[in-house]
Structure formats: C-alpha cells, structure tokens
Amino acid sequence: MEKEITAILPDLIPKYGTINIAFLDPGLHVNLDKLSATLSQQCMEMKQTCGKLTLVFGSKCHPDLAQLAKTYGTDTMKPQDCISFLASTQRDSLDKECKTFYLSPGWLEHWKRIFKEGLGWDSIDARQNLGFYDRILLLDTGVATFSDEQILEFYEYCQVPIEILPVKLDYLRQNLIDTLAI
C-alpha cells in the first residue's frame, strides 16, 4: 500500500504536518515470526524517533497484532487488512458474488517474492491453494502501474481468472484522517 498511501499524503500534510511512515516488505505476511519481529522493531524505532506512534493497521495481517499495538501504546485501524481499505464498502457485495481472492497492485508487483519465495509455491501449489477461488480480483487504485504481461504471468502461475476492478482511495484517505485526528 506504499504507493496508495504516498499518493494520499499530500492531502494530509497541510492539516497534520509531518507524517512519518514506515512501510514494511509485502512478503512478510507469509512468515508470522519475521512479520512480528519487523513490526516490533519498526514500532520501537518509530516511537523513539517520533515520540508518539499513531497507528498500526492491518489487524488481520498477524494474529497478535492487537497485542503488539497495545505494547507500543497504539491501536490498529478499523479495517482489518489492505483489501478492506481498497475495496471499502464494496467488499461485502463482492464477496457475495463468488469466491474471490483479492489482489492489490502491490501484491501483483511482488507476487513472486510472496508466493514463490516466501511460501515456496510452484505453479501446482498455487493452483491447489488458489484454485478454490472463482476469480482473482485485482483492485486497481490508479496510482500503481501494472501491465497486461504481469497479469498474464500471474494467471499462468495460478490458472484462476483475473478481473480488474477500479477503486478509489477515498475510504483509505478517510480512515487515515480519522486516525490522525485522534
């Protein structure tokens, strides 16, 4: 979500001033121990550098994230994961349409690191794990570029139809504003 948050920052800085953000490697989701260690390290560094840790978001990204946030005197944002920030209120209706695996532009950009390197999945593993889904829905935020070749390469890997859904950053922006206003 680095590109999406970076696109929103110019709207927030005039009202809230300097906003320090630490972006984490997207591949950390697949190794909970590394994710926990990196989150702890980043929280500690941000708290020392900034004095106040404003937020940690993505409470679904790690089962102990709420406890980790509490340790550093902060809280997680209301949406539980990056997909909820991007799909916003559409997510419930999209989930009802069919079994959907959501893909952010960042995950498409880093899918080899996440699935091949991080999880160790070859194309057979990908088909077994993602074949349960009727579709993969790529949420196009309009701030990250991706090519037809990238989409086709990921399709070849998992063999699940990929649809593209344009989404706005309004819900993410509003959640950031609500959190910063606390």
Protein backbone atom coordinates (compact mmCIF):
# COMPACT_ATOMS: atom_id res chain seq x y z
CA MET A 1 0.00 0.00 0.00
CA GLU A 2 3.04 2.23 -0.15
CA LYS A 3 2.08 3.84 -3.46
CA GLU A 4 -1.51 4.37 -2.34
CA ILE A 5 -0.57 5.97 0.98
CA THR A 6 2.12 8.06 -0.67
CA ALA A 7 -0.49 9.34 -3.14
CA ILE A 8 -2.75 10.43 -0.26
CA LEU A 9 -0.05 12.12 1.88
CA PRO A 10 -0.08 15.47 0.04
CA ASP A 11 -3.76 15.82 1.03
CA LEU A 12 -2.99 15.19 4.71
CA ILE A 13 0.24 17.11 5.33
CA PRO A 14 -1.28 20.62 5.21
CA LYS A 15 -3.61 19.75 8.10
CA TYR A 16 -1.48 17.30 10.11
CA GLY A 17 2.08 18.38 9.34
CA THR A 18 4.89 15.89 9.03
CA ILE A 19 3.68 12.30 8.91
CA ASN A 20 6.34 9.66 9.46
CA ILE A 21 5.55 6.28 7.95
CA ALA A 22 7.46 3.03 7.94
CA PHE A 23 6.48 0.75 5.08
CA LEU A 24 7.07 -2.95 5.53
CA ASP A 25 8.09 -5.54 2.97
CA PRO A 26 4.95 -7.10 1.45
CA GLY A 27 6.47 -10.58 1.68
CA LEU A 28 6.43 -10.53 5.48
CA HIS A 29 2.79 -11.67 5.53
CA VAL A 30 3.87 -15.22 4.81
CA ASN A 31 6.21 -15.53 7.80
CA LEU A 32 4.49 -14.51 11.02
CA ASP A 33 7.71 -14.64 13.08
CA LYS A 34 9.52 -12.28 10.69
CA LEU A 35 6.46 -10.04 10.49
CA SER A 36 6.22 -9.86 14.28
CA ALA A 37 9.93 -9.12 14.68
CA THR A 38 9.87 -6.46 11.96
CA LEU A 39 6.73 -4.84 13.35
CA SER A 40 8.24 -4.75 16.84
CA GLN A 41 11.45 -3.23 15.52
CA GLN A 42 9.61 -0.62 13.43
CA CYS A 43 7.26 0.29 16.29
CA MET A 44 10.20 0.71 18.65
CA GLU A 45 12.12 2.86 16.14
CA MET A 46 9.10 5.00 15.27
CA LYS A 47 8.25 5.53 18.93
CA GLN A 48 11.84 6.62 19.66
CA THR A 49 12.07 8.82 16.58
CA CYS A 50 8.62 10.39 16.66
CA GLY A 51 7.73 10.18 20.33
CA LYS A 52 4.24 9.03 19.50
CA LEU A 53 3.17 6.06 17.49
CA THR A 54 -0.09 6.98 15.82
CA LEU A 55 -1.20 3.78 14.14
CA VAL A 56 -0.54 0.27 13.06
CA PHE A 57 -3.04 -1.07 10.59
CA GLY A 58 -4.00 -4.42 9.25
CA SER A 59 -5.16 -6.37 12.29
CA LYS A 60 -5.71 -9.45 10.10
CA CYS A 61 -2.10 -9.45 8.94
CA HIS A 62 -0.91 -11.06 12.17
CA PRO A 63 -2.95 -12.82 14.88
CA ASP A 64 -1.09 -10.97 17.66
CA LEU A 65 -1.12 -7.52 16.05
CA ALA A 66 -3.61 -6.08 18.53
CA GLN A 67 -1.38 -7.13 21.44
CA LEU A 68 1.71 -5.77 19.70
CA ALA A 69 -0.03 -2.44 19.09
CA LYS A 70 -1.09 -2.31 22.74
CA THR A 71 2.53 -2.92 23.80
CA TYR A 72 3.55 0.24 21.95
CA GLY A 73 0.59 2.31 23.10
CA THR A 74 -1.24 2.44 19.82
CA ASP A 75 -4.13 0.65 18.18
CA THR A 76 -4.93 -0.91 14.86
CA MET A 77 -7.15 0.90 12.41
CA LYS A 78 -10.70 -0.30 11.93
CA PRO A 79 -10.32 -2.04 8.55
CA GLN A 80 -8.63 -5.38 9.15
CA ASP A 81 -6.48 -5.59 6.03
CA CYS A 82 -5.28 -3.68 2.99
CA ILE A 83 -8.01 -5.16 0.82
CA SER A 84 -10.68 -3.72 3.10
CA PHE A 85 -9.05 -0.30 2.78
CA LEU A 86 -9.19 -0.55 -1.00
CA ALA A 87 -12.49 -2.36 -1.61
CA SER A 88 -14.18 -0.36 1.19
CA THR A 89 -17.93 -0.83 1.42
CA GLN A 90 -17.97 -2.85 -1.80
CA ARG A 91 -16.24 -5.80 -0.19
CA ASP A 92 -19.35 -7.43 1.28
CA SER A 93 -21.23 -7.33 -2.00
CA LEU A 94 -18.15 -8.52 -3.93
CA ASP A 95 -17.76 -11.44 -1.51
CA LYS A 96 -21.38 -12.45 -2.14
CA GLU A 97 -20.87 -12.61 -5.92
CA CYS A 98 -18.46 -15.55 -5.83
CA LYS A 99 -15.38 -16.91 -4.06
CA THR A 100 -12.89 -14.11 -4.56
CA PHE A 101 -9.18 -13.84 -3.87
CA TYR A 102 -8.26 -10.16 -3.74
CA LEU A 103 -5.04 -8.80 -5.10
CA SER A 104 -3.67 -5.33 -4.52
CA PRO A 105 -1.38 -3.73 -7.08
CA GLY A 106 1.48 -4.14 -4.58
CA TRP A 107 0.84 -7.85 -4.27
CA LEU A 108 0.77 -8.19 -8.05
CA GLU A 109 4.08 -6.35 -8.21
CA HIS A 110 5.64 -8.62 -5.57
CA TRP A 111 3.79 -11.90 -6.15
CA LYS A 112 6.95 -13.90 -6.92
CA ARG A 113 8.53 -12.85 -3.61
CA ILE A 114 5.32 -13.58 -1.74
CA PHE A 115 4.15 -16.83 -3.30
CA LYS A 116 7.24 -18.40 -4.88
CA GLU A 117 9.98 -17.32 -2.49
CA GLY A 118 8.03 -16.71 0.71
CA LEU A 119 5.58 -19.59 0.57
CA GLY A 120 7.69 -21.79 -1.68
CA TRP A 121 4.77 -22.43 -4.04
CA ASP A 122 5.37 -23.71 -7.53
CA SER A 123 2.53 -23.41 -10.04
CA ILE A 124 0.96 -26.67 -8.84
CA ASP A 125 0.87 -25.39 -5.26
CA ALA A 126 -0.61 -22.10 -6.48
CA ARG A 127 -3.33 -23.91 -8.39
CA GLN A 128 -4.14 -26.11 -5.41
CA ASN A 129 -4.29 -23.18 -2.99
CA LEU A 130 -5.88 -20.56 -5.23
CA GLY A 131 -7.95 -22.93 -7.37
CA PHE A 132 -10.64 -22.79 -4.69
CA TYR A 133 -11.48 -19.27 -5.85
CA ASP A 134 -13.77 -18.44 -8.76
CA ARG A 135 -11.78 -15.33 -9.54
CA ILE A 136 -8.90 -13.14 -8.54
CA LEU A 137 -9.96 -9.52 -8.26
CA LEU A 138 -7.16 -7.02 -8.85
CA LEU A 139 -8.10 -3.75 -7.18
CA ASP A 140 -6.81 -1.03 -9.48
CA THR A 141 -6.14 2.05 -7.36
CA GLY A 142 -4.96 4.12 -10.30
CA VAL A 143 -1.67 5.03 -8.62
CA ALA A 144 0.30 1.86 -9.27
CA THR A 145 1.01 0.76 -12.80
CA PHE A 146 0.87 -2.83 -13.94
CA SER A 147 0.99 -4.38 -17.37
CA ASP A 148 -1.03 -6.99 -19.20
CA GLU A 149 2.10 -9.13 -19.15
CA GLN A 150 2.23 -9.04 -15.34
CA ILE A 151 -1.40 -10.07 -15.12
CA LEU A 152 -0.95 -12.86 -17.67
CA GLU A 153 2.15 -14.13 -15.90
CA PHE A 154 0.28 -14.35 -12.60
CA TYR A 155 -2.65 -16.02 -14.37
CA GLU A 156 -0.30 -18.60 -15.91
CA TYR A 157 1.02 -19.30 -12.43
CA CYS A 158 -2.32 -19.87 -10.72
CA GLN A 159 -4.81 -20.50 -13.57
CA VAL A 160 -7.60 -18.53 -11.85
CA PRO A 161 -9.39 -15.88 -13.95
CA ILE A 162 -8.27 -12.37 -13.06
CA GLU A 163 -10.66 -9.44 -13.18
CA ILE A 164 -9.70 -5.81 -12.67
CA LEU A 165 -11.85 -3.53 -10.53
CA PRO A 166 -11.07 0.21 -10.45
CA VAL A 167 -11.27 1.51 -6.88
CA LYS A 168 -10.89 4.93 -5.30
CA LEU A 169 -8.70 5.83 -2.36
CA ASP A 170 -11.44 7.73 -0.53
CA TYR A 171 -12.04 5.06 2.13
CA LEU A 172 -8.31 4.73 2.87
CA ARG A 173 -7.98 8.53 2.96
CA GLN A 174 -10.91 8.90 5.38
CA ASN A 175 -9.56 6.18 7.68
CA LEU A 176 -6.18 7.88 7.78
CA ILE A 177 -7.83 11.24 8.55
CA ASP A 178 -9.96 9.68 11.29
CA THR A 179 -6.90 8.05 12.84
CA LEU A 180 -4.72 11.13 12.63
CA ALA A 181 -7.46 13.25 14.21
CA ILE A 182 -7.35 11.20 17.43
